[in-house]
Protein backbone atom coordinates (compact mmCIF):
# COMPACT_ATOMS: atom_id res chain seq x y z
CA MET A 1 21.56 42.49 -20.84
CA ALA A 2 17.53 42.95 -22.52
CA GLN A 3 14.69 44.55 -20.56
CA LEU A 4 11.09 43.26 -21.04
CA LEU A 5 8.38 45.20 -19.55
CA TYR A 6 5.26 43.44 -18.44
CA ILE A 7 1.56 45.00 -19.42
CA GLU A 8 -1.16 43.80 -16.73
CA ALA A 9 -4.62 44.51 -18.14
CA SER A 10 -6.67 42.06 -15.62
CA PRO A 11 -8.52 42.82 -12.96
CA LEU A 12 -8.72 38.76 -11.28
CA LYS A 13 -5.10 38.21 -10.15
CA ALA A 14 -5.56 35.32 -8.52
CA ARG A 15 -8.71 34.31 -10.98
CA SER A 16 -7.59 35.55 -14.47
CA HIS A 17 -5.95 32.42 -16.66
CA SER A 18 -4.36 35.83 -19.19
CA ILE A 19 -2.21 36.06 -16.32
CA HIS A 20 -2.45 32.52 -14.91
CA VAL A 21 -0.24 31.72 -18.43
CA ALA A 22 1.39 35.15 -17.92
CA SER A 23 3.35 34.27 -14.93
CA GLU A 24 4.09 30.78 -15.62
CA PHE A 25 6.21 32.30 -19.18
CA LEU A 26 7.30 34.91 -17.10
CA LYS A 27 8.48 33.02 -14.72
CA ALA A 28 10.38 30.61 -17.65
CA TYR A 29 12.19 33.89 -19.33
CA ALA A 30 13.24 34.22 -15.99
CA GLU A 31 15.02 31.28 -15.84
CA ILE A 32 17.14 31.24 -18.59
CA ASN A 33 17.62 34.39 -19.20
CA ARG A 34 18.49 35.73 -15.78
CA GLN A 35 20.58 38.33 -16.69
CA ASP A 36 17.27 40.60 -18.68
CA GLU A 37 15.13 43.20 -16.04
CA ILE A 38 11.73 42.53 -16.05
CA GLU A 39 9.36 44.69 -14.62
CA VAL A 40 5.63 45.03 -14.12
CA ILE A 41 2.87 47.43 -14.88
CA ASP A 42 -0.52 46.63 -13.31
CA LEU A 43 -2.64 48.72 -15.23
CA TRP A 44 -4.96 48.48 -12.52
CA GLN A 45 -3.00 49.68 -9.43
CA THR A 46 -0.85 52.54 -11.95
CA LYS A 47 -2.54 56.16 -11.43
CA LEU A 48 -1.85 57.54 -15.52
CA PRO A 49 -2.50 60.60 -15.98
CA PRO A 50 -5.24 62.19 -17.85
CA PHE A 51 -5.28 62.32 -21.99
CA ASP A 52 -7.67 65.76 -21.38
CA ARG A 53 -8.24 68.54 -23.28
CA GLU A 54 -5.32 69.95 -22.65
CA THR A 55 -2.49 67.04 -23.35
CA ILE A 56 -4.85 66.37 -26.78
CA GLU A 57 -4.03 70.55 -27.64
CA ALA A 58 -0.87 69.30 -26.20
CA LYS A 59 -0.19 66.15 -29.16
CA PHE A 60 -1.54 68.55 -32.45
CA ALA A 61 0.83 71.27 -31.28
CA VAL A 62 3.66 68.45 -31.36
CA LEU A 63 2.36 67.52 -34.49
CA ARG A 64 2.60 71.07 -35.76
CA LYS A 65 5.82 71.80 -34.26
CA LYS A 66 3.35 75.23 -32.55
CA GLU A 67 4.45 76.42 -28.97
CA LEU A 68 3.16 74.87 -26.29
CA THR A 69 1.14 76.38 -23.25
CA PRO A 70 2.71 75.96 -19.95
CA GLU A 71 0.24 74.13 -18.53
CA GLN A 72 0.40 71.89 -22.02
CA GLN A 73 4.10 71.79 -21.77
CA ALA A 74 3.58 69.81 -18.23
CA ARG A 75 0.55 67.51 -19.41
CA TRP A 76 2.75 66.96 -22.44
CA ASP A 77 6.12 65.92 -19.76
CA ARG A 78 3.62 63.90 -18.02
CA VAL A 79 2.80 61.69 -21.09
CA ARG A 80 5.41 61.53 -22.40
CA ALA A 81 8.04 60.51 -19.54
CA VAL A 82 4.62 57.38 -19.17
CA SER A 83 5.80 56.81 -22.81
CA ARG A 84 9.46 56.08 -22.57
CA ARG A 85 9.39 54.26 -20.10
CA PHE A 86 7.19 51.89 -22.22
CA ASN A 87 9.82 52.42 -25.42
CA ALA A 88 13.34 52.32 -23.09
CA ALA A 89 11.86 47.92 -23.12
CA ALA A 90 13.22 45.32 -25.40
CA LYS A 91 10.70 42.86 -24.97
CA TYR A 92 6.07 43.04 -23.99
CA VAL A 93 4.30 40.59 -22.69
CA PHE A 94 0.51 41.80 -22.06
CA SER A 95 -1.92 39.69 -20.79
CA VAL A 96 -5.08 40.76 -21.41
CA PRO A 97 -8.50 39.68 -21.21
CA MET A 98 -11.61 40.64 -23.37
CA TRP A 99 -14.52 42.76 -21.62
CA ASN A 100 -17.30 43.94 -24.55
CA PHE A 101 -15.24 41.76 -27.62
CA SER A 102 -12.36 44.44 -26.78
CA ILE A 103 -9.70 45.10 -24.54
CA PRO A 104 -10.41 46.86 -20.58
CA TYR A 105 -10.10 50.75 -19.97
CA PRO A 106 -7.47 50.68 -18.11
CA LEU A 107 -5.45 49.50 -21.22
CA LYS A 108 -7.16 51.70 -23.86
CA HIS A 109 -6.35 55.04 -20.89
CA TYR A 110 -2.36 53.09 -21.23
CA ILE A 111 -1.93 52.91 -25.24
CA ASP A 112 -4.22 56.61 -25.36
CA VAL A 113 -0.75 57.56 -23.05
CA VAL A 114 2.31 55.76 -24.11
CA THR A 115 1.60 56.44 -27.92
CA LEU A 116 2.75 59.67 -28.15
CA ALA A 117 3.56 61.88 -31.55
CA GLY A 118 7.50 62.33 -31.79
CA GLU A 119 8.16 59.87 -29.49
CA ASN A 120 7.16 56.37 -31.39
CA TRP A 121 5.44 57.51 -34.00
CA SER A 122 5.44 60.88 -36.63
CA TRP A 123 3.75 62.95 -38.93
CA SER A 124 4.81 64.82 -42.06
CA PRO A 125 3.09 66.21 -45.05
CA GLU A 126 5.80 64.32 -46.85
CA GLU A 127 5.92 61.24 -45.92
CA GLY A 128 2.67 60.80 -43.34
CA TYR A 129 2.75 58.10 -40.97
CA ARG A 130 6.32 57.00 -39.80
CA SER A 131 6.43 54.27 -36.76
CA LEU A 132 9.28 55.00 -34.46
CA LEU A 133 10.16 52.16 -32.49
CA SER A 134 12.35 48.84 -34.29
CA GLY A 135 13.67 45.68 -33.42
CA LYS A 136 11.57 44.78 -30.61
CA LYS A 137 9.18 41.91 -29.94
CA ALA A 138 5.60 41.67 -28.30
CA LEU A 139 4.13 38.14 -26.87
CA MET A 140 -0.50 38.70 -26.38
CA ILE A 141 -1.30 36.66 -24.29
CA TYR A 142 -5.20 35.97 -24.71
CA ALA A 143 -8.25 35.07 -22.79
CA SER A 144 -11.52 35.75 -23.92
CA ALA A 145 -15.44 33.48 -22.49
CA GLY A 146 -15.85 32.70 -26.19
CA ASP A 147 -13.69 31.48 -28.66
CA TYR A 148 -13.52 34.62 -31.73
CA ARG A 149 -12.50 32.64 -35.25
CA PRO A 150 -9.80 34.74 -37.11
CA GLY A 151 -11.38 37.00 -39.18
CA ASP A 152 -14.35 37.11 -36.54
CA ALA A 153 -16.30 40.71 -37.14
CA SER A 154 -16.98 39.83 -33.26
CA ASP A 155 -13.06 40.79 -32.30
CA PHE A 156 -12.08 43.85 -31.52
CA GLN A 157 -9.41 42.61 -29.17
CA LYS A 158 -6.62 40.91 -31.01
CA PRO A 159 -7.15 43.09 -34.64
CA TYR A 160 -6.31 46.78 -32.47
CA LEU A 161 -4.02 45.52 -30.35
CA ARG A 162 -1.92 44.31 -32.99
CA ARG A 163 -2.94 47.59 -35.86
CA TRP A 164 -2.01 49.45 -33.20
CA LEU A 165 2.19 47.47 -31.67
CA ASN A 166 2.87 47.54 -36.15
CA PHE A 167 1.48 51.60 -35.72
CA ILE A 168 3.91 52.27 -33.23
CA GLY A 169 6.41 49.13 -35.25
CA ILE A 170 6.40 46.82 -32.81
CA ARG A 171 5.53 44.37 -35.87
CA ASP A 172 6.96 40.41 -33.93
CA ILE A 173 4.52 39.62 -32.26
CA HIS A 174 4.05 36.35 -30.11
CA GLU A 175 -0.05 35.44 -29.34
CA ILE A 176 -1.26 33.01 -26.78
CA ASN A 177 -5.11 31.98 -26.68
CA VAL A 178 -6.47 30.84 -23.78
CA ALA A 179 -10.54 29.98 -24.54
CA PRO A 180 -12.83 29.91 -24.18
CA THR A 181 -13.17 29.80 -20.90
CA LEU A 182 -16.22 29.76 -21.20
CA THR A 183 -16.49 26.15 -21.01
CA THR A 184 -16.31 22.93 -18.61
CA ASP A 185 -13.69 21.96 -15.92
CA ASP A 186 -11.95 19.69 -18.25
CA GLY A 187 -12.27 21.65 -20.59
CA LEU A 188 -10.23 24.86 -19.30
CA ALA A 189 -8.26 22.85 -17.56
CA ARG A 190 -7.31 21.70 -21.32
CA ILE A 191 -7.23 24.74 -22.87
CA ARG A 192 -4.79 26.61 -20.34
CA CYS A 193 -2.54 24.13 -20.08
CA ASN A 194 -1.89 24.05 -23.32
CA ALA A 195 -1.19 28.09 -23.00
CA ARG A 196 0.99 27.36 -20.61
CA ASN A 197 3.01 25.02 -22.24
CA ALA A 198 2.64 27.01 -25.26
CA ALA A 199 3.98 30.06 -22.63
CA VAL A 200 6.60 28.29 -21.65
CA GLU A 201 8.17 26.79 -24.79
CA LEU A 202 7.79 30.29 -25.98
CA ALA A 203 10.58 31.31 -23.11
CA ALA A 204 13.37 29.52 -24.42
CA GLY A 205 13.56 32.03 -27.47
CA PHE A 206 12.15 34.93 -26.72
């Protein structure tokens, strides 16, 4: 049995192109992998702990192997619980719309909370940065109004998320891009259909 964590970053729900494709993937995946557990985190309905001054101070205390104050320890315990919930999964699915060439702010908040020293990465003078997660895979389902080709300097959505996943150790990454969504009705229907078919096909071996 494996645990799959689905992280939903769009607030549009039924009108979201990325959620539509993710839902089709999860439906096909659940049919094939009946023994697996699927957990859903809707970032628009999830109250995340703040990543504020005290939490940042706690982060650097952990990095420098210093004793935490009671307040720092309390803040660290809160973010560490969220991080460990994330780290426990074997597979990840993200549905991510592009906002202002990047990602929605609740997803950035979530990434800041879960990406913790000693939990999914470490640093030492001898080794520098080291990833702590391994053997995991991710499916990134993107949506954007424009059609951004690989290497397009305006696209901060996909390169950022790839770099983050690689940083914590997730290198088996699959991507489905629903784009451009700002097109004709017929064109959008074809794009959604192609993305949906790709998602269902991928579910068989994910």
